PDB file of N, CA and C in Angstrom:
ATOM      1  N   MET A   1      27.755  54.030  15.405  1.00  0.00           N
ATOM      2  CA  MET A   1      27.695  52.612  15.402  1.00  0.00           C
ATOM      3  C   MET A   1      29.000  52.043  15.154  1.00  0.00           C
ATOM      4  N   SER A   2      29.525  51.071  15.573  1.00  0.00           N
ATOM      5  CA  SER A   2      30.975  50.484  15.363  1.00  0.00           C
ATOM      6  C   SER A   2      30.535  49.286  14.190  1.00  0.00           C
ATOM      7  N   THR A   3      31.108  49.913  12.984  1.00  0.00           N
ATOM      8  CA  THR A   3      31.077  49.045  11.868  1.00  0.00           C
ATOM      9  C   THR A   3      32.163  48.427  11.742  1.00  0.00           C
ATOM     10  N   ASP A   4      33.270  48.335  12.326  1.00  0.00           N
ATOM     11  CA  ASP A   4      34.471  47.415  12.152  1.00  0.00           C
ATOM     12  C   ASP A   4      34.621  46.350  12.735  1.00  0.00           C
ATOM     13  N   ASN A   5      33.694  46.230  13.858  1.00  0.00           N
ATOM     14  CA  ASN A   5      33.694  44.904  14.661  1.00  0.00           C
ATOM     15  C   ASN A   5      32.235  44.468  14.927  1.00  0.00           C
ATOM     16  N   CYS A   6      31.715  43.820  13.641  1.00  0.00           N
ATOM     17  CA  CYS A   6      30.558  43.337  13.611  1.00  0.00           C
ATOM     18  C   CYS A   6      30.555  41.879  13.819  1.00  0.00           C
ATOM     19  N   PHE A   7      29.519  41.437  14.535  1.00  0.00           N
ATOM     20  CA  PHE A   7      29.326  39.866  14.474  1.00  0.00           C
ATOM     21  C   PHE A   7      28.033  39.354  14.069  1.00  0.00           C
ATOM     22  N   LEU A   8      27.905  38.674  13.175  1.00  0.00           N
ATOM     23  CA  LEU A   8      26.442  38.186  12.827  1.00  0.00           C
ATOM     24  C   LEU A   8      25.948  36.950  13.320  1.00  0.00           C
ATOM     25  N   LEU A   9      25.014  37.194  14.146  1.00  0.00           N
ATOM     26  CA  LEU A   9      24.055  36.067  14.605  1.00  0.00           C
ATOM     27  C   LEU A   9      23.357  34.972  14.015  1.00  0.00           C
ATOM     28  N   LEU A  10      23.641  33.932  13.803  1.00  0.00           N
ATOM     29  CA  LEU A  10      22.587  32.934  12.754  1.00  0.00           C
ATOM     30  C   LEU A  10      22.252  31.935  13.454  1.00  0.00           C
ATOM     31  N   GLY A  11      21.067  31.393  13.099  1.00  0.00           N
ATOM     32  CA  GLY A  11      20.806  30.191  13.887  1.00  0.00           C
ATOM     33  C   GLY A  11      19.389  30.098  13.510  1.00  0.00           C
ATOM     34  N   LYS A  12      18.616  28.778  14.166  1.00  0.00           N
ATOM     35  CA  LYS A  12      17.183  28.461  13.723  1.00  0.00           C
ATOM     36  C   LYS A  12      16.008  29.491  14.484  1.00  0.00           C
ATOM     37  N   THR A  13      15.043  29.896  14.230  1.00  0.00           N
ATOM     38  CA  THR A  13      14.402  30.423  15.167  1.00  0.00           C
ATOM     39  C   THR A  13      13.763  29.874  16.277  1.00  0.00           C
ATOM     40  N   GLY A  14      13.995  30.938  17.014  1.00  0.00           N
ATOM     41  CA  GLY A  14      13.949  30.394  18.896  1.00  0.00           C
ATOM     42  C   GLY A  14      15.195  29.903  19.266  1.00  0.00           C
ATOM     43  N   VAL A  15      16.207  29.852  18.797  1.00  0.00           N
ATOM     44  CA  VAL A  15      17.729  29.229  19.252  1.00  0.00           C
ATOM     45  C   VAL A  15      17.990  30.319  20.341  1.00  0.00           C
ATOM     46  N   GLY A  16      17.626  31.561  20.426  1.00  0.00           N
ATOM     47  CA  GLY A  16      18.222  32.743  21.381  1.00  0.00           C
ATOM     48  C   GLY A  16      19.391  33.699  20.950  1.00  0.00           C
ATOM     49  N   LYS A  17      19.134  33.886  19.500  1.00  0.00           N
ATOM     50  CA  LYS A  17      20.085  35.009  19.123  1.00  0.00           C
ATOM     51  C   LYS A  17      19.399  36.514  19.462  1.00  0.00           C
ATOM     52  N   SER A  18      18.145  36.874  19.689  1.00  0.00           N
ATOM     53  CA  SER A  18      17.727  38.070  20.163  1.00  0.00           C
ATOM     54  C   SER A  18      17.726  38.153  21.798  1.00  0.00           C
ATOM     55  N   THR A  19      18.136  36.908  22.333  1.00  0.00           N
ATOM     56  CA  THR A  19      18.276  36.794  23.921  1.00  0.00           C
ATOM     57  C   THR A  19      19.716  37.446  24.248  1.00  0.00           C
ATOM     58  N   LEU A  20      20.547  36.380  23.374  1.00  0.00           N
ATOM     59  CA  LEU A  20      22.278  37.003  23.262  1.00  0.00           C
ATOM     60  C   LEU A  20      22.429  38.402  23.131  1.00  0.00           C
ATOM     61  N   SER A  21      21.463  39.015  22.124  1.00  0.00           N
ATOM     62  CA  SER A  21      21.822  40.476  21.969  1.00  0.00           C
ATOM     63  C   SER A  21      21.325  41.552  22.941  1.00  0.00           C
ATOM     64  N   LYS A  22      20.029  40.771  23.590  1.00  0.00           N
ATOM     65  CA  LYS A  22      19.630  41.846  24.838  1.00  0.00           C
ATOM     66  C   LYS A  22      20.847  41.577  25.803  1.00  0.00           C
ATOM     67  N   ILE A  23      21.265  40.328  26.052  1.00  0.00           N
ATOM     68  CA  ILE A  23      22.187  40.285  27.092  1.00  0.00           C
ATOM     69  C   ILE A  23      23.678  41.136  27.271  1.00  0.00           C
ATOM     70  N   LEU A  24      23.884  40.802  25.948  1.00  0.00           N
ATOM     71  CA  LEU A  24      25.293  41.638  25.670  1.00  0.00           C
ATOM     72  C   LEU A  24      25.195  42.818  25.484  1.00  0.00           C
ATOM     73  N   SER A  25      24.093  43.536  24.712  1.00  0.00           N
ATOM     74  CA  SER A  25      23.905  44.792  24.443  1.00  0.00           C
ATOM     75  C   SER A  25      23.657  45.689  25.810  1.00  0.00           C
ATOM     76  N   GLU A  26      22.640  44.750  26.633  1.00  0.00           N
ATOM     77  CA  GLU A  26      22.242  45.642  27.920  1.00  0.00           C
ATOM     78  C   GLU A  26      20.865  46.350  27.178  1.00  0.00           C
ATOM     79  N   ASN A  27      20.543  46.134  26.342  1.00  0.00           N
ATOM     80  CA  ASN A  27      19.252  46.913  25.366  1.00  0.00           C
ATOM     81  C   ASN A  27      18.138  46.225  25.980  1.00  0.00           C
ATOM     82  N   GLN A  28      17.524  46.967  27.085  1.00  0.00           N
ATOM     83  CA  GLN A  28      16.270  46.367  27.354  1.00  0.00           C
ATOM     84  C   GLN A  28      15.156  46.379  26.238  1.00  0.00           C
ATOM     85  N   SER A  29      15.038  47.375  25.393  1.00  0.00           N
ATOM     86  CA  SER A  29      14.021  47.480  24.463  1.00  0.00           C
ATOM     87  C   SER A  29      13.859  46.355  23.122  1.00  0.00           C
ATOM     88  N   ILE A  30      14.966  45.150  23.276  1.00  0.00           N
ATOM     89  CA  ILE A  30      14.848  44.073  22.271  1.00  0.00           C
ATOM     90  C   ILE A  30      13.734  43.272  22.936  1.00  0.00           C
ATOM     91  N   ILE A  31      12.780  42.739  22.167  1.00  0.00           N
ATOM     92  CA  ILE A  31      11.771  42.073  22.341  1.00  0.00           C
ATOM     93  C   ILE A  31      12.188  40.518  22.083  1.00  0.00           C
ATOM     94  N   ILE A  32      11.941  39.866  23.125  1.00  0.00           N
ATOM     95  CA  ILE A  32      12.375  38.341  23.007  1.00  0.00           C
ATOM     96  C   ILE A  32      10.861  37.397  22.456  1.00  0.00           C
ATOM     97  N   GLY A  33      10.926  36.609  21.702  1.00  0.00           N
ATOM     98  CA  GLY A  33       9.693  36.201  21.382  1.00  0.00           C
ATOM     99  C   GLY A  33       9.806  34.519  22.515  1.00  0.00           C
ATOM    100  N   ASN A  34       8.256  34.528  22.671  1.00  0.00           N
ATOM    101  CA  ASN A  34       7.819  33.519  23.437  1.00  0.00           C
ATOM    102  C   ASN A  34       6.727  32.685  23.025  1.00  0.00           C
ATOM    103  N   SER A  35       6.604  32.750  21.996  1.00  0.00           N
ATOM    104  CA  SER A  35       5.529  31.897  21.311  1.00  0.00           C
ATOM    105  C   SER A  35       6.049  30.973  19.997  1.00  0.00           C
ATOM    106  N   LEU A  36       4.791  30.091  19.800  1.00  0.00           N
ATOM    107  CA  LEU A  36       5.556  29.462  18.405  1.00  0.00           C
ATOM    108  C   LEU A  36       6.025  30.136  17.279  1.00  0.00           C
ATOM    109  N   HIS A  37       5.438  31.582  17.099  1.00  0.00           N
ATOM    110  CA  HIS A  37       6.089  32.216  16.009  1.00  0.00           C
ATOM    111  C   HIS A  37       7.105  32.713  16.074  1.00  0.00           C
ATOM    112  N   SER A  38       7.829  33.264  15.177  1.00  0.00           N
ATOM    113  CA  SER A  38       9.064  34.107  15.130  1.00  0.00           C
ATOM    114  C   SER A  38       8.922  35.335  15.528  1.00  0.00           C
ATOM    115  N   GLN A  39       9.726  36.258  16.123  1.00  0.00           N
ATOM    116  CA  GLN A  39       9.716  37.476  16.694  1.00  0.00           C
ATOM    117  C   GLN A  39      10.281  38.390  15.680  1.00  0.00           C
ATOM    118  N   THR A  40      11.676  38.028  15.345  1.00  0.00           N
ATOM    119  CA  THR A  40      12.470  38.770  14.900  1.00  0.00           C
ATOM    120  C   THR A  40      12.128  38.730  13.228  1.00  0.00           C
ATOM    121  N   GLN A  41      11.862  40.001  12.548  1.00  0.00           N
ATOM    122  CA  GLN A  41      11.476  39.759  11.315  1.00  0.00           C
ATOM    123  C   GLN A  41      12.501  40.236  10.172  1.00  0.00           C
ATOM    124  N   GLU A  42      13.675  41.425  10.919  1.00  0.00           N
ATOM    125  CA  GLU A  42      14.511  42.007  10.014  1.00  0.00           C
ATOM    126  C   GLU A  42      15.686  42.066  10.735  1.00  0.00           C
ATOM    127  N   ALA A  43      16.675  42.134  10.293  1.00  0.00           N
ATOM    128  CA  ALA A  43      18.432  42.056  10.856  1.00  0.00           C
ATOM    129  C   ALA A  43      18.109  43.403  11.722  1.00  0.00           C
ATOM    130  N   ASN A  44      18.794  43.436  12.622  1.00  0.00           N
ATOM    131  CA  ASN A  44      19.066  44.627  13.737  1.00  0.00           C
ATOM    132  C   ASN A  44      20.626  44.812  14.104  1.00  0.00           C
ATOM    133  N   CYS A  45      20.926  45.742  14.563  1.00  0.00           N
ATOM    134  CA  CYS A  45      22.150  45.944  15.340  1.00  0.00           C
ATOM    135  C   CYS A  45      21.951  46.365  16.152  1.00  0.00           C
ATOM    136  N   TYR A  46      23.169  45.879  17.278  1.00  0.00           N
ATOM    137  CA  TYR A  46      22.808  46.412  18.673  1.00  0.00           C
ATOM    138  C   TYR A  46      24.471  46.499  18.812  1.00  0.00           C
ATOM    139  N   GLU A  47      24.490  48.037  19.634  1.00  0.00           N
ATOM    140  CA  GLU A  47      26.232  48.179  20.134  1.00  0.00           C
ATOM    141  C   GLU A  47      26.161  47.654  21.240  1.00  0.00           C
ATOM    142  N   CYS A  48      27.532  47.042  21.701  1.00  0.00           N
ATOM    143  CA  CYS A  48      28.050  46.298  22.703  1.00  0.00           C
ATOM    144  C   CYS A  48      29.314  47.018  23.019  1.00  0.00           C
ATOM    145  N   GLN A  49      29.530  46.748  24.347  1.00  0.00           N
ATOM    146  CA  GLN A  49      31.222  47.049  24.693  1.00  0.00           C
ATOM    147  C   GLN A  49      31.377  45.801  25.875  1.00  0.00           C
ATOM    148  N   MET A  50      32.826  45.775  25.931  1.00  0.00           N
ATOM    149  CA  MET A  50      33.258  44.638  26.871  1.00  0.00           C
ATOM    150  C   MET A  50      34.868  45.384  27.338  1.00  0.00           C
ATOM    151  N   ASP A  51      34.820  46.134  28.153  1.00  0.00           N
ATOM    152  CA  ASP A  51      35.871  46.890  28.784  1.00  0.00           C
ATOM    153  C   ASP A  51      35.757  47.887  27.630  1.00  0.00           C
ATOM    154  N   ASP A  52      37.164  47.997  26.875  1.00  0.00           N
ATOM    155  CA  ASP A  52      37.643  48.833  25.935  1.00  0.00           C
ATOM    156  C   ASP A  52      37.196  48.379  24.401  1.00  0.00           C
ATOM    157  N   PHE A  53      36.661  47.319  24.408  1.00  0.00           N
ATOM    158  CA  PHE A  53      36.222  46.902  23.270  1.00  0.00           C
ATOM    159  C   PHE A  53      34.923  47.281  22.673  1.00  0.00           C
ATOM    160  N   LYS A  54      34.847  48.157  21.733  1.00  0.00           N
ATOM    161  CA  LYS A  54      33.138  48.003  21.213  1.00  0.00           C
ATOM    162  C   LYS A  54      33.003  47.257  19.970  1.00  0.00           C
ATOM    163  N   TYR A  55      32.014  46.533  19.772  1.00  0.00           N
ATOM    164  CA  TYR A  55      31.567  45.660  18.895  1.00  0.00           C
ATOM    165  C   TYR A  55      29.959  45.948  18.727  1.00  0.00           C
ATOM    166  N   THR A  56      29.567  45.134  17.446  1.00  0.00           N
ATOM    167  CA  THR A  56      28.192  45.428  16.867  1.00  0.00           C
ATOM    168  C   THR A  56      27.886  44.014  16.659  1.00  0.00           C
ATOM    169  N   LEU A  57      26.684  43.561  17.321  1.00  0.00           N
ATOM    170  CA  LEU A  57      25.761  42.452  17.050  1.00  0.00           C
ATOM    171  C   LEU A  57      25.019  42.410  16.089  1.00  0.00           C
ATOM    172  N   ILE A  58      24.666  41.733  14.920  1.00  0.00           N
ATOM    173  CA  ILE A  58      23.569  41.894  14.076  1.00  0.00           C
ATOM    174  C   ILE A  58      22.690  40.682  14.400  1.00  0.00           C
ATOM    175  N   ASP A  59      21.569  40.982  14.801  1.00  0.00           N
ATOM    176  CA  ASP A  59      20.647  39.747  15.117  1.00  0.00           C
ATOM    177  C   ASP A  59      19.933  39.800  13.854  1.00  0.00           C
ATOM    178  N   THR A  60      19.362  38.434  13.390  1.00  0.00           N
ATOM    179  CA  THR A  60      19.154  38.452  12.369  1.00  0.00           C
ATOM    180  C   THR A  60      17.634  37.330  12.454  1.00  0.00           C
ATOM    181  N   PRO A  61      16.636  37.501  11.472  1.00  0.00           N
ATOM    182  CA  PRO A  61      15.537  36.293  11.531  1.00  0.00           C
ATOM    183  C   PRO A  61      16.015  35.148  11.591  1.00  0.00           C
ATOM    184  N   GLY A  62      15.545  33.961  12.147  1.00  0.00           N
ATOM    185  CA  GLY A  62      16.104  32.690  12.301  1.00  0.00           C
ATOM    186  C   GLY A  62      15.424  31.938  11.116  1.00  0.00           C
ATOM    187  N   TYR A  63      16.062  30.763  10.815  1.00  0.00           N
ATOM    188  CA  TYR A  63      15.964  30.113   9.395  1.00  0.00           C
ATOM    189  C   TYR A  63      15.039  28.877  10.016  1.00  0.00           C
ATOM    190  N   ASP A  64      14.391  27.939   9.138  1.00  0.00           N
ATOM    191  CA  ASP A  64      13.392  27.358   9.882  1.00  0.00           C
ATOM    192  C   ASP A  64      12.718  27.874  10.321  1.00  0.00           C
ATOM    193  N   ASP A  65      12.081  29.247   9.919  1.00  0.00           N
ATOM    194  CA  ASP A  65      10.829  30.026  10.013  1.00  0.00           C
ATOM    195  C   ASP A  65       9.755  29.773  10.255  1.00  0.00           C
ATOM    196  N   SER A  66       8.987  30.022  11.406  1.00  0.00           N
ATOM    197  CA  SER A  66       7.618  29.652  11.415  1.00  0.00           C
ATOM    198  C   SER A  66       7.110  29.691  10.862  1.00  0.00           C
ATOM    199  N   ASN A  67       6.992  30.969  10.043  1.00  0.00           N
ATOM    200  CA  ASN A  67       5.985  31.441   8.551  1.00  0.00           C
ATOM    201  C   ASN A  67       6.640  30.808   7.582  1.00  0.00           C
ATOM    202  N   GLY A  68       7.645  30.008   7.035  1.00  0.00           N
ATOM    203  CA  GLY A  68       8.019  29.615   5.879  1.00  0.00           C
ATOM    204  C   GLY A  68       8.746  30.761   5.172  1.00  0.00           C
ATOM    205  N   ASN A  69       9.340  31.571   5.655  1.00  0.00           N
ATOM    206  CA  ASN A  69       9.959  32.929   5.143  1.00  0.00           C
ATOM    207  C   ASN A  69      11.539  32.712   4.913  1.00  0.00           C
ATOM    208  N   ASP A  70      12.153  31.597   4.759  1.00  0.00           N
ATOM    209  CA  ASP A  70      13.500  31.112   4.952  1.00  0.00           C
ATOM    210  C   ASP A  70      14.273  31.945   3.450  1.00  0.00           C
ATOM    211  N   LYS A  71      13.538  31.875   2.466  1.00  0.00           N
ATOM    212  CA  LYS A  71      14.176  32.610   1.028  1.00  0.00           C
ATOM    213  C   LYS A  71      14.107  33.990   1.244  1.00  0.00           C
ATOM    214  N   LYS A  72      13.158  34.611   1.789  1.00  0.00           N
ATOM    215  CA  LYS A  72      13.082  36.424   2.022  1.00  0.00           C
ATOM    216  C   LYS A  72      13.732  36.554   3.229  1.00  0.00           C
ATOM    217  N   ASN A  73      14.352  35.642   4.003  1.00  0.00           N
ATOM    218  CA  ASN A  73      15.173  36.080   5.048  1.00  0.00           C
ATOM    219  C   ASN A  73      16.354  35.951   4.956  1.00  0.00           C
ATOM    220  N   TYR A  74      16.767  34.836   3.769  1.00  0.00           N
ATOM    221  CA  TYR A  74      18.249  34.990   3.605  1.00  0.00           C
ATOM    222  C   TYR A  74      18.511  35.992   2.534  1.00  0.00           C
ATOM    223  N   SER A  75      17.302  36.538   1.564  1.00  0.00           N
ATOM    224  CA  SER A  75      17.572  37.661   0.849  1.00  0.00           C
ATOM    225  C   SER A  75      17.924  38.814   1.328  1.00  0.00           C
ATOM    226  N   HIS A  76      16.821  39.170   2.590  1.00  0.00           N
ATOM    227  CA  HIS A  76      17.140  40.162   3.541  1.00  0.00           C
ATOM    228  C   HIS A  76      18.629  40.394   4.108  1.00  0.00           C
ATOM    229  N   ILE A  77      19.017  39.255   4.586  1.00  0.00           N
ATOM    230  CA  ILE A  77      20.115  39.344   5.557  1.00  0.00           C
ATOM    231  C   ILE A  77      21.262  39.744   4.405  1.00  0.00           C
ATOM    232  N   LYS A  78      21.321  38.920   3.354  1.00  0.00           N
ATOM    233  CA  LYS A  78      22.616  39.670   2.108  1.00  0.00           C
ATOM    234  C   LYS A  78      22.339  40.754   1.707  1.00  0.00           C
ATOM    235  N   GLN A  79      21.014  41.315   1.564  1.00  0.00           N
ATOM    236  CA  GLN A  79      20.584  42.865   1.350  1.00  0.00           C
ATOM    237  C   GLN A  79      21.283  43.605   2.319  1.00  0.00           C
ATOM    238  N   PHE A  80      21.075  43.435   3.577  1.00  0.00           N
ATOM    239  CA  PHE A  80      21.329  44.203   4.891  1.00  0.00           C
ATOM    240  C   PHE A  80      22.662  44.360   4.799  1.00  0.00           C
ATOM    241  N   LEU A  81      23.580  43.339   4.793  1.00  0.00           N
ATOM    242  CA  LEU A  81      24.776  43.356   4.766  1.00  0.00           C
ATOM    243  C   LEU A  81      25.888  44.057   3.661  1.00  0.00           C
ATOM    244  N   THR A  82      25.225  43.958   2.467  1.00  0.00           N
ATOM    245  CA  THR A  82      25.869  44.547   1.298  1.00  0.00           C
ATOM    246  C   THR A  82      25.050  46.190   1.447  1.00  0.00           C
ATOM    247  N   SER A  83      24.215  46.660   1.646  1.00  0.00           N
ATOM    248  CA  SER A  83      23.846  47.912   1.882  1.00  0.00           C
ATOM    249  C   SER A  83      24.272  48.873   2.980  1.00  0.00           C
ATOM    250  N   ASN A  84      24.922  47.939   4.052  1.00  0.00           N
ATOM    251  CA  ASN A  84      25.259  48.803   5.170  1.00  0.00           C
ATOM    252  C   ASN A  84      26.870  48.613   5.269  1.00  0.00           C
ATOM    253  N   ASN A  85      27.692  49.494   5.798  1.00  0.00           N
ATOM    254  CA  ASN A  85      29.045  49.385   5.796  1.00  0.00           C
ATOM    255  C   ASN A  85      29.556  48.746   6.846  1.00  0.00           C
ATOM    256  N   HIS A  86      29.137  47.417   7.070  1.00  0.00           N
ATOM    257  CA  HIS A  86      29.367  46.583   8.309  1.00  0.00           C
ATOM    258  C   HIS A  86      30.762  45.247   7.801  1.00  0.00           C
ATOM    259  N   LYS A  87      31.758  45.506   8.398  1.00  0.00           N
ATOM    260  CA  LYS A  87      32.972  44.691   8.175  1.00  0.00           C
ATOM    261  C   LYS A  87      32.755  43.363   9.268  1.00  0.00           C
ATOM    262  N   LEU A  88      32.350  42.581   8.854  1.00  0.00           N
ATOM    263  CA  LEU A  88      32.306  41.479   9.602  1.00  0.00           C
ATOM    264  C   LEU A  88      33.382  40.866  10.266  1.00  0.00           C
ATOM    265  N   LYS A  89      33.595  40.612  11.579  1.00  0.00           N
ATOM    266  CA  LYS A  89      34.835  40.036  12.230  1.00  0.00           C
ATOM    267  C   LYS A  89      34.460  38.703  12.477  1.00  0.00           C
ATOM    268  N   GLY A  90      33.250  38.131  12.233  1.00  0.00           N
ATOM    269  CA  GLY A  90      32.801  36.640  12.688  1.00  0.00           C
ATOM    270  C   GLY A  90      31.603  36.487  12.675  1.00  0.00           C
ATOM    271  N   ILE A  91      30.923  35.194  12.402  1.00  0.00           N
ATOM    272  CA  ILE A  91      29.714  34.886  12.490  1.00  0.00           C
ATOM    273  C   ILE A  91      29.608  33.850  13.688  1.00  0.00           C
ATOM    274  N   ILE A  92      28.422  33.768  14.659  1.00  0.00           N
ATOM    275  CA  ILE A  92      28.173  33.395  15.508  1.00  0.00           C
ATOM    276  C   ILE A  92      26.931  32.575  15.285  1.00  0.00           C
ATOM    277  N   LEU A  93      27.043  31.053  15.101  1.00  0.00           N
ATOM    278  CA  LEU A  93      26.243  30.247  14.952  1.00  0.00           C
ATOM    279  C   LEU A  93      25.451  29.495  16.202  1.00  0.00           C
ATOM    280  N   LEU A  94      24.191  29.841  16.546  1.00  0.00           N
ATOM    281  CA  LEU A  94      23.934  29.271  17.605  1.00  0.00           C
ATOM    282  C   LEU A  94      23.126  27.966  17.254  1.00  0.00           C
ATOM    283  N   PHE A  95      23.137  27.142  18.210  1.00  0.00           N
ATOM    284  CA  PHE A  95      22.410  25.838  18.238  1.00  0.00           C
ATOM    285  C   PHE A  95      21.755  25.738  19.409  1.00  0.00           C
ATOM    286  N   ILE A  96      20.626  25.210  19.331  1.00  0.00           N
ATOM    287  CA  ILE A  96      19.811  24.390  20.390  1.00  0.00           C
ATOM    288  C   ILE A  96      20.526  23.506  21.126  1.00  0.00           C
ATOM    289  N   PHE A  97      20.667  23.503  22.261  1.00  0.00           N
ATOM    290  CA  PHE A  97      21.696  22.704  23.130  1.00  0.00           C
ATOM    291  C   PHE A  97      21.445  21.247  22.648  1.00  0.00           C
ATOM    292  N   GLN A  98      20.225  20.676  22.610  1.00  0.00           N
ATOM    293  CA  GLN A  98      19.795  19.382  22.325  1.00  0.00           C
ATOM    294  C   GLN A  98      20.276  18.753  21.058  1.00  0.00           C
ATOM    295  N   ASP A  99      20.284  20.044  20.060  1.00  0.00           N
ATOM    296  CA  ASP A  99      20.281  19.514  18.566  1.00  0.00           C
ATOM    297  C   ASP A  99      22.073  18.590  18.230  1.00  0.00           C
ATOM    298  N   SER A 100      22.197  17.289  18.324  1.00  0.00           N
ATOM    299  CA  SER A 100      23.517  16.621  18.396  1.00  0.00           C
ATOM    300  C   SER A 100      24.195  16.796  17.284  1.00  0.00           C
ATOM    301  N   ARG A 101      23.364  17.288  15.948  1.00  0.00           N
ATOM    302  CA  ARG A 101      23.672  16.929  14.521  1.00  0.00           C
ATOM    303  C   ARG A 101      23.474  18.433  13.933  1.00  0.00           C
ATOM    304  N   PHE A 102      24.843  18.570  12.725  1.00  0.00           N
ATOM    305  CA  PHE A 102      24.553  19.387  11.983  1.00  0.00           C
ATOM    306  C   PHE A 102      23.287  19.400  11.026  1.00  0.00           C
ATOM    307  N   GLY A 103      22.439  19.854  10.990  1.00  0.00           N
ATOM    308  CA  GLY A 103      21.218  19.315  10.093  1.00  0.00           C
ATOM    309  C   GLY A 103      21.079  19.796   8.626  1.00  0.00           C
ATOM    310  N   GLU A 104      20.399  19.622   7.807  1.00  0.00           N
ATOM    311  CA  GLU A 104      20.155  20.462   6.469  1.00  0.00           C
ATOM    312  C   GLU A 104      20.181  21.669   6.473  1.00  0.00           C
ATOM    313  N   SER A 105      19.144  22.268   7.606  1.00  0.00           N
ATOM    314  CA  SER A 105      18.950  23.749   7.561  1.00  0.00           C
ATOM    315  C   SER A 105      20.212  24.431   7.693  1.00  0.00           C
ATOM    316  N   HIS A 106      21.044  24.033   8.588  1.00  0.00           N
ATOM    317  CA  HIS A 106      22.074  24.659   8.839  1.00  0.00           C
ATOM    318  C   HIS A 106      23.316  24.536   7.746  1.00  0.00           C
ATOM    319  N   ARG A 107      23.102  23.793   6.741  1.00  0.00           N
ATOM    320  CA  ARG A 107      24.217  23.251   5.795  1.00  0.00           C
ATOM    321  C   ARG A 107      23.608  24.151   4.808  1.00  0.00           C
ATOM    322  N   LYS A 108      22.579  24.351   4.580  1.00  0.00           N
ATOM    323  CA  LYS A 108      21.635  25.467   3.387  1.00  0.00           C
ATOM    324  C   LYS A 108      22.173  26.567   4.132  1.00  0.00           C
ATOM    325  N   VAL A 109      22.382  27.393   4.835  1.00  0.00           N
ATOM    326  CA  VAL A 109      22.860  28.659   5.604  1.00  0.00           C
ATOM    327  C   VAL A 109      23.990  28.519   4.869  1.00  0.00           C
ATOM    328  N   TRP A 110      25.121  27.740   5.029  1.00  0.00           N
ATOM    329  CA  TRP A 110      26.563  27.817   4.879  1.00  0.00           C
ATOM    330  C   TRP A 110      26.578  28.081   3.153  1.00  0.00           C
ATOM    331  N   ARG A 111      25.780  27.546   2.509  1.00  0.00           N
ATOM    332  CA  ARG A 111      25.550  27.440   1.109  1.00  0.00           C
ATOM    333  C   ARG A 111      25.284  28.707   0.686  1.00  0.00           C
ATOM    334  N   LYS A 112      24.534  29.505   1.197  1.00  0.00           N
ATOM    335  CA  LYS A 112      23.948  30.698   1.055  1.00  0.00           C
ATOM    336  C   LYS A 112      24.952  31.748   0.795  1.00  0.00           C
TER     337      LYS A 112
END
């Protein structure tokens, strides 16, 4: 696993983090949620490659979770990042296209 080039995917539940992971990693086993309930329950790493550049996407549970598990999800993501040897190159924050504002739930994530 490429731990030197990791990108953390963050965003609200249902914004497309797992879909982006599935497309970029070409990993067909990634399950995409199609219901009102969140699909991703824990952070997962997916290996990707573009030409000679290898990188890892870290798909995470969304915030504003349909099960009300935001605190648990934040804690899980923090623990996942500290317990694994991932060196983050960047954070990719996904938004729903129609969201025109950086809402309170987005601000909470940056404070964590």
